[in-house]
C-alpha cells in the first residue's frame, strides 16, 4: 500500500492512500481518533476566525457542522473561541446523517459524497438546532474541503434558517491543483493524488 507523509507544524502522520473512484486517490487522514492533530488544527481555526474583522462585532455565534468528522473540530474550535472571547455566547448546531424520531420537525438537504458507497447523502437538521440557527450569525465549519459539497449543503441549511453566514472554515483543504477554494478559509492542505 502506498502512503503519503502529512505534516502540520510538529505533527507528522504517515497516511494510507486509497482510490475513491474514477482514478481519484486520497491520503486518508483519520481525524476522529487524532486528538493531538484536531487540537492543533482547531487552535489555528479559532485564530483565523478571531483575526477577521467580521468576528469582532458578533456577540452570539453558532458554529454549524455536519456529522461525523466535523464535530470534534466544532467542539475544539468553540472551546478555543470561548477562551479567547469569554464575553461571546457560542453555541453549536449539527446536521445529522440519520433522521431520529426525537429530532422534531427537520429540514434536510442532499449532498454528493466521494468517500461513501452511496453517491449522495442526506443531511437532517433537527428542530432544536434549526432554532439555534434562526437569524443567528453562523460560522460553517468542517474537517475537509474536497469538492465543496458538504460546505454547500451546510450553507443551504443555514440559509433556510435565515442565518447570517459570518465565515466558512475547514481544517484541511484537499487539492489537486492548489487553487484556493472560494470564500473558505483553511489551515492545512492535503494533496489529491
N, C-alpha and C. Protein backbone atom coordinates (compact mmCIF):
# COMPACT_ATOMS: atom_id res chain seq x y z
N UNK A 1 0.84 -1.18 0.00
CA UNK A 1 0.00 0.00 0.00
C UNK A 1 0.88 1.24 0.00
N UNK A 2 0.53 2.21 -0.86
CA UNK A 2 1.31 3.44 -0.89
C UNK A 2 0.86 4.35 0.26
N UNK A 3 1.74 5.23 0.65
CA UNK A 3 1.45 6.15 1.75
C UNK A 3 1.85 7.57 1.36
N UNK A 4 1.39 8.51 2.15
CA UNK A 4 1.73 9.91 1.98
C UNK A 4 2.07 10.47 3.35
N UNK A 5 3.13 11.26 3.44
CA UNK A 5 3.54 11.86 4.71
C UNK A 5 2.89 13.23 4.84
N UNK A 6 2.03 13.36 5.85
CA UNK A 6 1.34 14.62 6.14
C UNK A 6 2.07 15.31 7.28
N UNK A 7 2.33 16.61 7.12
CA UNK A 7 2.99 17.38 8.16
C UNK A 7 2.18 18.63 8.47
N UNK A 8 1.96 18.86 9.76
CA UNK A 8 1.35 20.11 10.21
C UNK A 8 2.08 20.53 11.47
N UNK A 9 2.81 21.64 11.37
CA UNK A 9 3.67 22.12 12.45
C UNK A 9 4.58 20.97 12.89
N UNK A 10 4.52 20.57 14.16
CA UNK A 10 5.39 19.50 14.67
C UNK A 10 4.78 18.10 14.49
N UNK A 11 3.57 18.02 13.93
CA UNK A 11 2.85 16.75 13.84
C UNK A 11 3.10 16.11 12.48
N UNK A 12 3.49 14.85 12.51
CA UNK A 12 3.75 14.09 11.27
C UNK A 12 2.91 12.82 11.31
N UNK A 13 2.19 12.56 10.23
CA UNK A 13 1.38 11.35 10.11
C UNK A 13 1.67 10.67 8.78
N UNK A 14 1.86 9.37 8.82
CA UNK A 14 2.03 8.56 7.60
C UNK A 14 0.64 8.04 7.24
N UNK A 15 0.13 8.48 6.10
CA UNK A 15 -1.27 8.21 5.74
C UNK A 15 -1.36 7.18 4.61
N UNK A 16 -2.29 6.23 4.73
CA UNK A 16 -2.52 5.29 3.63
C UNK A 16 -3.24 6.01 2.49
N UNK A 17 -2.95 5.61 1.27
CA UNK A 17 -3.57 6.21 0.09
C UNK A 17 -4.60 5.24 -0.46
N UNK A 18 -5.82 5.76 -0.73
CA UNK A 18 -6.92 4.94 -1.24
C UNK A 18 -7.49 5.57 -2.50
N UNK A 19 -7.94 4.73 -3.42
CA UNK A 19 -8.68 5.21 -4.57
C UNK A 19 -10.14 5.33 -4.18
N UNK A 20 -10.75 6.49 -4.49
CA UNK A 20 -12.15 6.72 -4.13
C UNK A 20 -13.06 6.72 -5.36
N UNK A 21 -12.49 6.42 -6.51
CA UNK A 21 -13.29 6.33 -7.74
C UNK A 21 -12.72 7.16 -8.86
N UNK A 22 -12.96 6.69 -10.08
CA UNK A 22 -12.52 7.39 -11.29
C UNK A 22 -11.04 7.74 -11.28
N UNK A 23 -10.23 6.86 -10.69
CA UNK A 23 -8.79 7.09 -10.65
C UNK A 23 -8.35 8.13 -9.63
N UNK A 24 -9.29 8.69 -8.88
CA UNK A 24 -9.00 9.70 -7.87
C UNK A 24 -8.51 9.02 -6.59
N UNK A 25 -7.36 9.46 -6.11
CA UNK A 25 -6.79 8.90 -4.89
C UNK A 25 -6.64 9.97 -3.84
N UNK A 26 -6.92 9.58 -2.60
CA UNK A 26 -6.73 10.50 -1.47
C UNK A 26 -5.90 9.81 -0.40
N UNK A 27 -5.19 10.63 0.36
CA UNK A 27 -4.49 10.15 1.54
C UNK A 27 -5.48 10.25 2.70
N UNK A 28 -5.74 9.15 3.37
CA UNK A 28 -6.77 9.12 4.40
C UNK A 28 -6.21 9.59 5.74
N UNK A 29 -6.73 10.72 6.19
CA UNK A 29 -6.35 11.31 7.47
C UNK A 29 -7.51 11.10 8.44
N UNK A 30 -7.33 10.21 9.40
CA UNK A 30 -8.39 9.86 10.35
C UNK A 30 -8.38 10.83 11.52
N UNK A 31 -9.12 11.92 11.36
CA UNK A 31 -9.12 12.94 12.40
C UNK A 31 -10.00 12.57 13.60
N UNK A 32 -10.93 11.64 13.42
CA UNK A 32 -11.80 11.27 14.55
C UNK A 32 -11.02 10.68 15.72
N UNK A 33 -9.91 10.05 15.44
CA UNK A 33 -9.15 9.42 16.52
C UNK A 33 -7.79 10.08 16.74
N UNK A 34 -7.64 11.33 16.32
CA UNK A 34 -6.35 12.00 16.44
C UNK A 34 -6.51 13.30 17.24
N UNK A 35 -6.59 13.15 18.55
CA UNK A 35 -6.79 14.27 19.46
C UNK A 35 -5.73 15.36 19.27
N UNK A 36 -4.47 14.98 19.15
CA UNK A 36 -3.38 15.94 19.03
C UNK A 36 -3.55 16.81 17.78
N UNK A 37 -3.85 16.18 16.67
CA UNK A 37 -3.99 16.92 15.42
C UNK A 37 -5.24 17.79 15.42
N UNK A 38 -6.36 17.25 15.89
CA UNK A 38 -7.60 18.04 15.94
C UNK A 38 -7.40 19.27 16.81
N UNK A 39 -6.74 19.11 17.94
CA UNK A 39 -6.50 20.23 18.85
C UNK A 39 -5.64 21.30 18.17
N UNK A 40 -4.56 20.91 17.53
CA UNK A 40 -3.67 21.86 16.87
C UNK A 40 -4.37 22.59 15.72
N UNK A 41 -5.10 21.85 14.89
CA UNK A 41 -5.80 22.46 13.77
C UNK A 41 -6.91 23.39 14.27
N UNK A 42 -7.62 22.99 15.31
CA UNK A 42 -8.71 23.81 15.84
C UNK A 42 -8.21 25.10 16.47
N UNK A 43 -7.06 25.06 17.10
CA UNK A 43 -6.47 26.29 17.64
C UNK A 43 -6.19 27.28 16.51
N UNK A 44 -5.68 26.77 15.41
CA UNK A 44 -5.41 27.63 14.24
C UNK A 44 -6.71 28.11 13.61
N UNK A 45 -7.73 27.26 13.58
CA UNK A 45 -9.03 27.66 13.05
C UNK A 45 -9.60 28.80 13.88
N UNK A 46 -9.52 28.70 15.19
CA UNK A 46 -10.00 29.77 16.08
C UNK A 46 -9.21 31.05 15.86
N UNK A 47 -7.91 30.94 15.70
CA UNK A 47 -7.08 32.13 15.43
C UNK A 47 -7.51 32.81 14.15
N UNK A 48 -7.79 32.01 13.13
CA UNK A 48 -8.22 32.55 11.85
C UNK A 48 -9.55 33.29 11.98
N UNK A 49 -10.48 32.69 12.69
CA UNK A 49 -11.80 33.32 12.90
C UNK A 49 -11.63 34.64 13.65
N UNK A 50 -10.85 34.65 14.73
CA UNK A 50 -10.66 35.84 15.55
C UNK A 50 -9.97 36.97 14.80
N UNK A 51 -9.15 36.63 13.82
CA UNK A 51 -8.40 37.63 13.07
C UNK A 51 -9.25 38.40 12.07
N UNK A 52 -10.43 37.93 11.78
CA UNK A 52 -11.27 38.58 10.76
C UNK A 52 -12.08 39.72 11.37
N UNK A 53 -12.16 40.81 10.62
CA UNK A 53 -12.91 41.98 11.08
C UNK A 53 -14.37 41.67 11.36
N UNK A 54 -14.93 40.73 10.61
CA UNK A 54 -16.34 40.40 10.76
C UNK A 54 -16.63 39.72 12.11
N UNK A 55 -15.60 39.18 12.76
CA UNK A 55 -15.79 38.47 14.02
C UNK A 55 -16.00 39.42 15.20
N UNK A 56 -15.35 40.56 15.17
CA UNK A 56 -15.32 41.48 16.31
C UNK A 56 -16.73 41.88 16.78
N UNK A 57 -17.65 42.32 15.90
CA UNK A 57 -18.94 42.78 16.40
C UNK A 57 -19.92 41.68 16.81
N UNK A 58 -19.60 40.44 16.52
CA UNK A 58 -20.55 39.36 16.81
C UNK A 58 -20.61 39.07 18.30
N UNK A 59 -21.82 39.05 18.86
CA UNK A 59 -21.98 38.73 20.28
C UNK A 59 -22.41 37.29 20.49
N UNK A 60 -23.32 36.81 19.64
CA UNK A 60 -23.77 35.42 19.71
C UNK A 60 -23.40 34.77 18.40
N UNK A 61 -22.85 33.57 18.51
CA UNK A 61 -22.30 32.91 17.34
C UNK A 61 -22.62 31.42 17.41
N UNK A 62 -23.04 30.85 16.29
CA UNK A 62 -23.31 29.42 16.23
C UNK A 62 -22.30 28.79 15.26
N UNK A 63 -21.56 27.80 15.74
CA UNK A 63 -20.70 27.01 14.87
C UNK A 63 -21.55 25.87 14.34
N UNK A 64 -21.62 25.74 13.03
CA UNK A 64 -22.50 24.78 12.38
C UNK A 64 -21.68 23.81 11.56
N UNK A 65 -21.82 22.51 11.85
CA UNK A 65 -21.06 21.47 11.16
C UNK A 65 -21.97 20.29 10.86
N UNK A 66 -21.37 19.28 10.22
CA UNK A 66 -22.11 18.06 9.88
C UNK A 66 -21.43 16.87 10.55
N UNK A 67 -22.28 15.84 10.84
CA UNK A 67 -21.72 14.58 11.32
C UNK A 67 -20.79 14.04 10.25
N UNK A 68 -19.82 13.34 10.58
CA UNK A 68 -19.28 12.95 11.86
C UNK A 68 -17.99 13.71 12.15
N UNK A 69 -17.12 13.77 11.17
CA UNK A 69 -15.78 14.27 11.45
C UNK A 69 -15.69 15.77 11.68
N UNK A 70 -16.73 16.51 11.37
CA UNK A 70 -16.72 17.94 11.67
C UNK A 70 -16.95 18.23 13.14
N UNK A 71 -17.56 17.28 13.85
CA UNK A 71 -17.93 17.53 15.25
C UNK A 71 -16.73 17.80 16.15
N UNK A 72 -15.67 16.99 16.12
CA UNK A 72 -14.53 17.31 17.01
C UNK A 72 -13.93 18.68 16.73
N UNK A 73 -13.91 19.08 15.45
CA UNK A 73 -13.37 20.40 15.11
C UNK A 73 -14.28 21.51 15.62
N UNK A 74 -15.59 21.33 15.51
CA UNK A 74 -16.52 22.33 16.01
C UNK A 74 -16.37 22.49 17.52
N UNK A 75 -16.31 21.37 18.25
CA UNK A 75 -16.17 21.42 19.71
C UNK A 75 -14.86 22.10 20.11
N UNK A 76 -13.76 21.65 19.51
CA UNK A 76 -12.45 22.19 19.90
C UNK A 76 -12.31 23.66 19.51
N UNK A 77 -12.85 24.03 18.35
CA UNK A 77 -12.79 25.44 17.93
C UNK A 77 -13.66 26.29 18.85
N UNK A 78 -14.85 25.79 19.21
CA UNK A 78 -15.72 26.52 20.13
C UNK A 78 -15.04 26.74 21.48
N UNK A 79 -14.38 25.72 21.99
CA UNK A 79 -13.67 25.85 23.27
C UNK A 79 -12.58 26.92 23.17
N UNK A 80 -11.84 26.90 22.08
CA UNK A 80 -10.76 27.86 21.88
C UNK A 80 -11.31 29.28 21.73
N UNK A 81 -12.40 29.43 20.99
CA UNK A 81 -13.02 30.75 20.84
C UNK A 81 -13.54 31.26 22.18
N UNK A 82 -14.11 30.37 22.99
CA UNK A 82 -14.64 30.79 24.29
C UNK A 82 -13.52 31.24 25.22
N UNK A 83 -12.36 30.59 25.13
CA UNK A 83 -11.19 31.01 25.93
C UNK A 83 -10.75 32.41 25.53
N UNK A 84 -10.69 32.64 24.23
CA UNK A 84 -10.19 33.92 23.72
C UNK A 84 -11.20 35.04 23.87
N UNK A 85 -12.48 34.71 23.83
CA UNK A 85 -13.55 35.72 23.84
C UNK A 85 -14.63 35.32 24.83
N UNK A 86 -14.36 35.36 26.12
CA UNK A 86 -15.32 34.88 27.10
C UNK A 86 -16.63 35.68 27.12
N UNK A 87 -16.64 36.87 26.53
CA UNK A 87 -17.86 37.70 26.51
C UNK A 87 -18.82 37.28 25.40
N UNK A 88 -18.40 36.43 24.47
CA UNK A 88 -19.26 36.00 23.38
C UNK A 88 -20.03 34.74 23.78
N UNK A 89 -21.26 34.67 23.32
CA UNK A 89 -22.07 33.46 23.51
C UNK A 89 -21.85 32.57 22.30
N UNK A 90 -21.36 31.36 22.53
CA UNK A 90 -21.05 30.44 21.43
C UNK A 90 -21.88 29.18 21.59
N UNK A 91 -22.54 28.80 20.52
CA UNK A 91 -23.37 27.59 20.51
C UNK A 91 -22.95 26.71 19.33
N UNK A 92 -23.42 25.47 19.35
CA UNK A 92 -23.14 24.53 18.27
C UNK A 92 -24.45 24.03 17.67
N UNK A 93 -24.42 23.77 16.37
CA UNK A 93 -25.53 23.12 15.68
C UNK A 93 -24.92 22.06 14.76
N UNK A 94 -25.58 20.91 14.67
CA UNK A 94 -25.01 19.79 13.92
C UNK A 94 -26.05 19.20 12.97
N UNK A 95 -25.70 19.16 11.69
CA UNK A 95 -26.54 18.48 10.70
C UNK A 95 -26.24 16.99 10.82
N UNK A 96 -27.29 16.18 10.87
CA UNK A 96 -27.14 14.75 11.12
C UNK A 96 -27.30 13.95 9.83
N UNK A 97 -26.71 12.76 9.83
CA UNK A 97 -26.78 11.88 8.66
C UNK A 97 -27.93 10.89 8.73
N UNK A 98 -28.54 10.76 9.89
CA UNK A 98 -29.70 9.88 10.05
C UNK A 98 -30.77 10.64 10.79
N UNK A 99 -32.01 10.47 10.35
CA UNK A 99 -33.14 11.12 10.99
C UNK A 99 -33.60 10.27 12.18
N UNK A 100 -33.82 10.89 13.31
CA UNK A 100 -34.28 10.21 14.52
C UNK A 100 -35.67 10.72 14.89
N UNK A 101 -36.45 9.89 15.56
CA UNK A 101 -37.82 10.25 15.94
C UNK A 101 -37.88 11.46 16.86
N UNK A 102 -36.86 11.63 17.68
CA UNK A 102 -36.87 12.72 18.66
C UNK A 102 -36.31 14.03 18.12
N UNK A 103 -36.03 14.11 16.80
CA UNK A 103 -35.48 15.34 16.21
C UNK A 103 -36.54 16.42 16.01
N UNK A 104 -37.81 16.07 16.10
CA UNK A 104 -38.86 17.03 15.81
C UNK A 104 -38.94 17.26 14.30
N UNK A 105 -39.41 18.43 13.92
CA UNK A 105 -39.54 18.76 12.50
C UNK A 105 -38.17 19.15 11.95
N UNK A 106 -37.66 18.32 11.05
CA UNK A 106 -36.34 18.55 10.46
C UNK A 106 -36.46 19.26 9.12
N UNK A 107 -35.40 19.95 8.77
CA UNK A 107 -35.23 20.33 7.37
C UNK A 107 -34.06 19.50 6.87
N UNK A 108 -34.01 19.29 5.56
CA UNK A 108 -32.97 18.40 5.03
C UNK A 108 -32.47 18.90 3.69
N UNK A 109 -31.31 18.38 3.32
CA UNK A 109 -30.71 18.66 2.02
C UNK A 109 -29.86 17.48 1.61
N UNK A 110 -29.65 17.35 0.33
CA UNK A 110 -28.80 16.29 -0.23
C UNK A 110 -27.41 16.84 -0.52
N UNK A 111 -26.44 15.95 -0.45
CA UNK A 111 -25.08 16.33 -0.86
C UNK A 111 -24.41 15.14 -1.52
N UNK A 112 -23.52 15.44 -2.45
CA UNK A 112 -22.74 14.40 -3.11
C UNK A 112 -21.66 13.90 -2.15
N UNK A 113 -21.23 12.65 -2.34
CA UNK A 113 -20.18 12.08 -1.50
C UNK A 113 -19.18 11.31 -2.36
N UNK A 114 -17.90 11.59 -2.14
CA UNK A 114 -16.87 10.83 -2.87
C UNK A 114 -16.25 9.73 -2.02
N UNK A 115 -16.59 9.72 -0.73
CA UNK A 115 -15.92 8.75 0.16
C UNK A 115 -16.86 7.69 0.73
N UNK A 116 -18.13 7.72 0.38
CA UNK A 116 -19.04 6.68 0.87
C UNK A 116 -19.52 5.84 -0.30
N UNK A 117 -20.13 4.71 0.02
CA UNK A 117 -20.62 3.83 -1.03
C UNK A 117 -21.81 4.43 -1.76
N UNK A 118 -22.54 5.29 -1.08
CA UNK A 118 -23.66 5.98 -1.73
C UNK A 118 -23.14 7.24 -2.41
N UNK A 119 -23.69 7.55 -3.58
CA UNK A 119 -23.25 8.75 -4.30
C UNK A 119 -23.76 10.02 -3.66
N UNK A 120 -24.92 9.93 -2.98
CA UNK A 120 -25.45 11.10 -2.28
C UNK A 120 -25.80 10.73 -0.85
N UNK A 121 -25.78 11.73 0.00
CA UNK A 121 -26.17 11.58 1.40
C UNK A 121 -27.20 12.66 1.71
N UNK A 122 -28.03 12.39 2.67
CA UNK A 122 -28.98 13.39 3.15
C UNK A 122 -28.51 13.89 4.49
N UNK A 123 -28.53 15.20 4.67
CA UNK A 123 -28.24 15.81 5.96
C UNK A 123 -29.55 16.34 6.53
N UNK A 124 -29.80 16.04 7.81
CA UNK A 124 -31.01 16.45 8.50
C UNK A 124 -30.64 17.45 9.59
N UNK A 125 -31.37 18.52 9.66
CA UNK A 125 -31.16 19.50 10.72
C UNK A 125 -32.32 19.40 11.71
N UNK A 126 -32.04 18.89 12.93
CA UNK A 126 -33.10 18.76 13.93
C UNK A 126 -33.71 20.11 14.30
N UNK A 127 -34.94 20.05 14.78
CA UNK A 127 -35.69 21.26 15.12
C UNK A 127 -34.94 22.12 16.14
N UNK A 128 -34.34 21.52 17.14
CA UNK A 128 -33.64 22.31 18.18
C UNK A 128 -32.46 23.07 17.60
N UNK A 129 -31.73 22.45 16.69
CA UNK A 129 -30.59 23.14 16.06
C UNK A 129 -31.07 24.16 15.04
N UNK A 130 -32.19 23.87 14.39
CA UNK A 130 -32.77 24.83 13.45
C UNK A 130 -33.10 26.13 14.19
N UNK A 131 -33.63 26.01 15.40
CA UNK A 131 -33.96 27.19 16.20
C UNK A 131 -32.71 27.96 16.59
N UNK A 132 -31.62 27.26 16.88
CA UNK A 132 -30.35 27.95 17.19
C UNK A 132 -29.87 28.78 16.02
N UNK A 133 -30.02 28.23 14.81
CA UNK A 133 -29.55 28.92 13.61
C UNK A 133 -30.43 30.09 13.21
N UNK A 134 -31.69 30.04 13.55
CA UNK A 134 -32.67 31.02 13.09
C UNK A 134 -32.24 32.45 13.40
N UNK A 135 -31.88 33.19 12.36
CA UNK A 135 -31.48 34.58 12.49
C UNK A 135 -30.12 34.81 13.12
N UNK A 136 -29.37 33.76 13.40
CA UNK A 136 -28.09 33.88 14.09
C UNK A 136 -26.94 34.13 13.13
N UNK A 137 -25.85 34.66 13.70
CA UNK A 137 -24.57 34.72 12.98
C UNK A 137 -23.95 33.33 13.09
N UNK A 138 -23.53 32.79 11.95
CA UNK A 138 -23.10 31.39 11.89
C UNK A 138 -21.73 31.28 11.22
N UNK A 139 -20.92 30.40 11.78
CA UNK A 139 -19.68 30.00 11.12
C UNK A 139 -19.85 28.55 10.70
N UNK A 140 -19.73 28.31 9.40
CA UNK A 140 -19.77 26.95 8.88
C UNK A 140 -18.39 26.36 9.08
N UNK A 141 -18.34 25.15 9.64
CA UNK A 141 -17.05 24.54 9.98
C UNK A 141 -17.08 23.08 9.57
N UNK A 142 -15.96 22.62 9.00
CA UNK A 142 -15.90 21.22 8.58
C UNK A 142 -14.47 20.73 8.69
N UNK A 143 -14.32 19.42 8.59
CA UNK A 143 -13.00 18.82 8.69
C UNK A 143 -12.22 18.98 7.39
N UNK A 144 -12.84 18.60 6.25
CA UNK A 144 -12.16 18.63 4.96
C UNK A 144 -12.98 19.40 3.94
N UNK A 145 -12.28 19.98 2.99
CA UNK A 145 -12.92 20.58 1.82
C UNK A 145 -12.29 19.91 0.61
N UNK A 146 -13.05 19.05 -0.05
CA UNK A 146 -12.56 18.36 -1.25
C UNK A 146 -13.30 18.90 -2.46
N UNK A 147 -14.57 18.55 -2.56
CA UNK A 147 -15.39 19.02 -3.67
C UNK A 147 -16.22 20.24 -3.28
N UNK A 148 -16.32 20.51 -2.00
CA UNK A 148 -17.14 21.61 -1.51
C UNK A 148 -18.59 21.22 -1.25
N UNK A 149 -18.93 19.95 -1.50
CA UNK A 149 -20.33 19.51 -1.36
C UNK A 149 -20.85 19.66 0.06
N UNK A 150 -20.06 19.29 1.05
CA UNK A 150 -20.52 19.41 2.45
C UNK A 150 -20.72 20.86 2.85
N UNK A 151 -19.78 21.70 2.49
CA UNK A 151 -19.88 23.12 2.84
C UNK A 151 -21.10 23.75 2.17
N UNK A 152 -21.36 23.39 0.92
CA UNK A 152 -22.52 23.93 0.21
C UNK A 152 -23.82 23.43 0.85
N UNK A 153 -23.84 22.18 1.30
CA UNK A 153 -25.03 21.65 1.97
C UNK A 153 -25.28 22.38 3.29
N UNK A 154 -24.22 22.62 4.07
CA UNK A 154 -24.37 23.37 5.31
C UNK A 154 -24.89 24.79 5.03
N UNK A 155 -24.37 25.38 3.97
CA UNK A 155 -24.79 26.73 3.60
C UNK A 155 -26.28 26.76 3.22
N UNK A 156 -26.72 25.76 2.47
CA UNK A 156 -28.14 25.69 2.10
C UNK A 156 -29.03 25.59 3.34
N UNK A 157 -28.64 24.72 4.28
CA UNK A 157 -29.42 24.57 5.50
C UNK A 157 -29.44 25.86 6.32
N UNK A 158 -28.28 26.49 6.44
CA UNK A 158 -28.19 27.74 7.22
C UNK A 158 -29.08 28.82 6.61
N UNK A 159 -29.04 28.94 5.30
CA UNK A 159 -29.85 29.97 4.63
C UNK A 159 -31.34 29.70 4.80
N UNK A 160 -31.73 28.43 4.81
CA UNK A 160 -33.15 28.10 5.03
C UNK A 160 -33.60 28.48 6.44
N UNK A 161 -32.64 28.67 7.34
CA UNK A 161 -32.95 29.07 8.72
C UNK A 161 -32.76 30.58 8.92
N UNK A 162 -32.58 31.31 7.82
CA UNK A 162 -32.36 32.76 7.89
C UNK A 162 -31.11 33.13 8.68
N UNK A 163 -30.13 32.22 8.71
CA UNK A 163 -28.86 32.50 9.39
C UNK A 163 -28.01 33.44 8.53
N UNK A 164 -27.17 34.20 9.22
CA UNK A 164 -26.23 35.08 8.53
C UNK A 164 -24.86 34.40 8.59
N UNK A 165 -24.33 34.00 7.46
CA UNK A 165 -23.06 33.28 7.43
C UNK A 165 -21.91 34.27 7.59
N UNK A 166 -21.25 34.18 8.74
CA UNK A 166 -20.16 35.10 9.06
C UNK A 166 -18.83 34.60 8.54
N UNK A 167 -18.69 33.28 8.39
CA UNK A 167 -17.40 32.72 7.96
C UNK A 167 -17.60 31.26 7.57
N UNK A 168 -16.68 30.76 6.78
CA UNK A 168 -16.62 29.34 6.41
C UNK A 168 -15.18 28.91 6.59
N UNK A 169 -14.99 27.86 7.40
CA UNK A 169 -13.62 27.44 7.69
C UNK A 169 -13.53 25.92 7.73
N UNK A 170 -12.45 25.39 7.19
CA UNK A 170 -12.20 23.95 7.23
C UNK A 170 -10.79 23.71 7.77
N UNK A 171 -10.62 22.55 8.37
CA UNK A 171 -9.31 22.20 8.90
C UNK A 171 -8.34 21.89 7.76
N UNK A 172 -8.76 21.03 6.83
CA UNK A 172 -7.85 20.57 5.78
C UNK A 172 -8.50 20.74 4.41
N UNK A 173 -7.80 21.38 3.54
CA UNK A 173 -8.25 21.54 2.16
C UNK A 173 -7.54 20.51 1.31
N UNK A 174 -8.32 19.60 0.69
CA UNK A 174 -7.76 18.60 -0.22
C UNK A 174 -7.77 19.19 -1.62
N UNK A 175 -6.60 19.22 -2.24
CA UNK A 175 -6.49 19.91 -3.52
C UNK A 175 -5.69 19.11 -4.54
N UNK A 176 -6.10 19.26 -5.79
CA UNK A 176 -5.35 18.65 -6.89
C UNK A 176 -4.51 19.70 -7.59
N UNK A 177 -4.94 20.95 -7.57
CA UNK A 177 -4.26 21.98 -8.36
C UNK A 177 -3.82 23.21 -7.58
N UNK A 178 -4.01 23.24 -6.30
CA UNK A 178 -3.58 24.32 -5.41
C UNK A 178 -4.28 25.65 -5.65
N UNK A 179 -5.43 25.65 -6.33
CA UNK A 179 -6.22 26.87 -6.39
C UNK A 179 -7.07 26.94 -5.13
N UNK A 180 -7.11 28.11 -4.54
CA UNK A 180 -7.82 28.26 -3.26
C UNK A 180 -9.32 28.11 -3.45
N UNK A 181 -9.99 27.41 -2.53
CA UNK A 181 -11.46 27.33 -2.61
C UNK A 181 -12.06 28.71 -2.39
N UNK A 182 -13.14 29.02 -3.08
CA UNK A 182 -13.74 30.35 -2.95
C UNK A 182 -14.33 30.57 -1.57
N UNK A 183 -14.07 31.68 -0.98
CA UNK A 183 -14.62 32.18 0.29
C UNK A 183 -14.59 31.17 1.44
N UNK A 184 -13.63 30.27 1.43
CA UNK A 184 -13.47 29.30 2.51
C UNK A 184 -12.04 29.39 3.03
N UNK A 185 -11.91 29.55 4.35
CA UNK A 185 -10.60 29.58 4.98
C UNK A 185 -10.20 28.16 5.35
N UNK A 186 -8.93 27.82 5.17
CA UNK A 186 -8.43 26.51 5.57
C UNK A 186 -7.10 26.70 6.30
N UNK A 187 -6.71 25.72 7.13
CA UNK A 187 -5.47 25.86 7.88
C UNK A 187 -4.38 24.87 7.48
N UNK A 188 -4.74 23.79 6.78
CA UNK A 188 -3.74 22.83 6.32
C UNK A 188 -4.19 22.30 4.94
N UNK A 189 -3.23 21.75 4.20
CA UNK A 189 -3.57 21.19 2.90
C UNK A 189 -3.13 19.73 2.82
N UNK A 190 -3.82 19.02 1.95
CA UNK A 190 -3.53 17.62 1.68
C UNK A 190 -3.76 17.42 0.19
N UNK A 191 -2.78 16.91 -0.55
CA UNK A 191 -2.98 16.79 -2.00
C UNK A 191 -3.91 15.65 -2.37
N UNK A 192 -4.66 15.85 -3.45
CA UNK A 192 -5.38 14.75 -4.09
C UNK A 192 -4.35 14.13 -4.99
N UNK A 193 -4.16 12.82 -4.88
CA UNK A 193 -3.06 12.16 -5.58
C UNK A 193 -3.50 11.54 -6.90
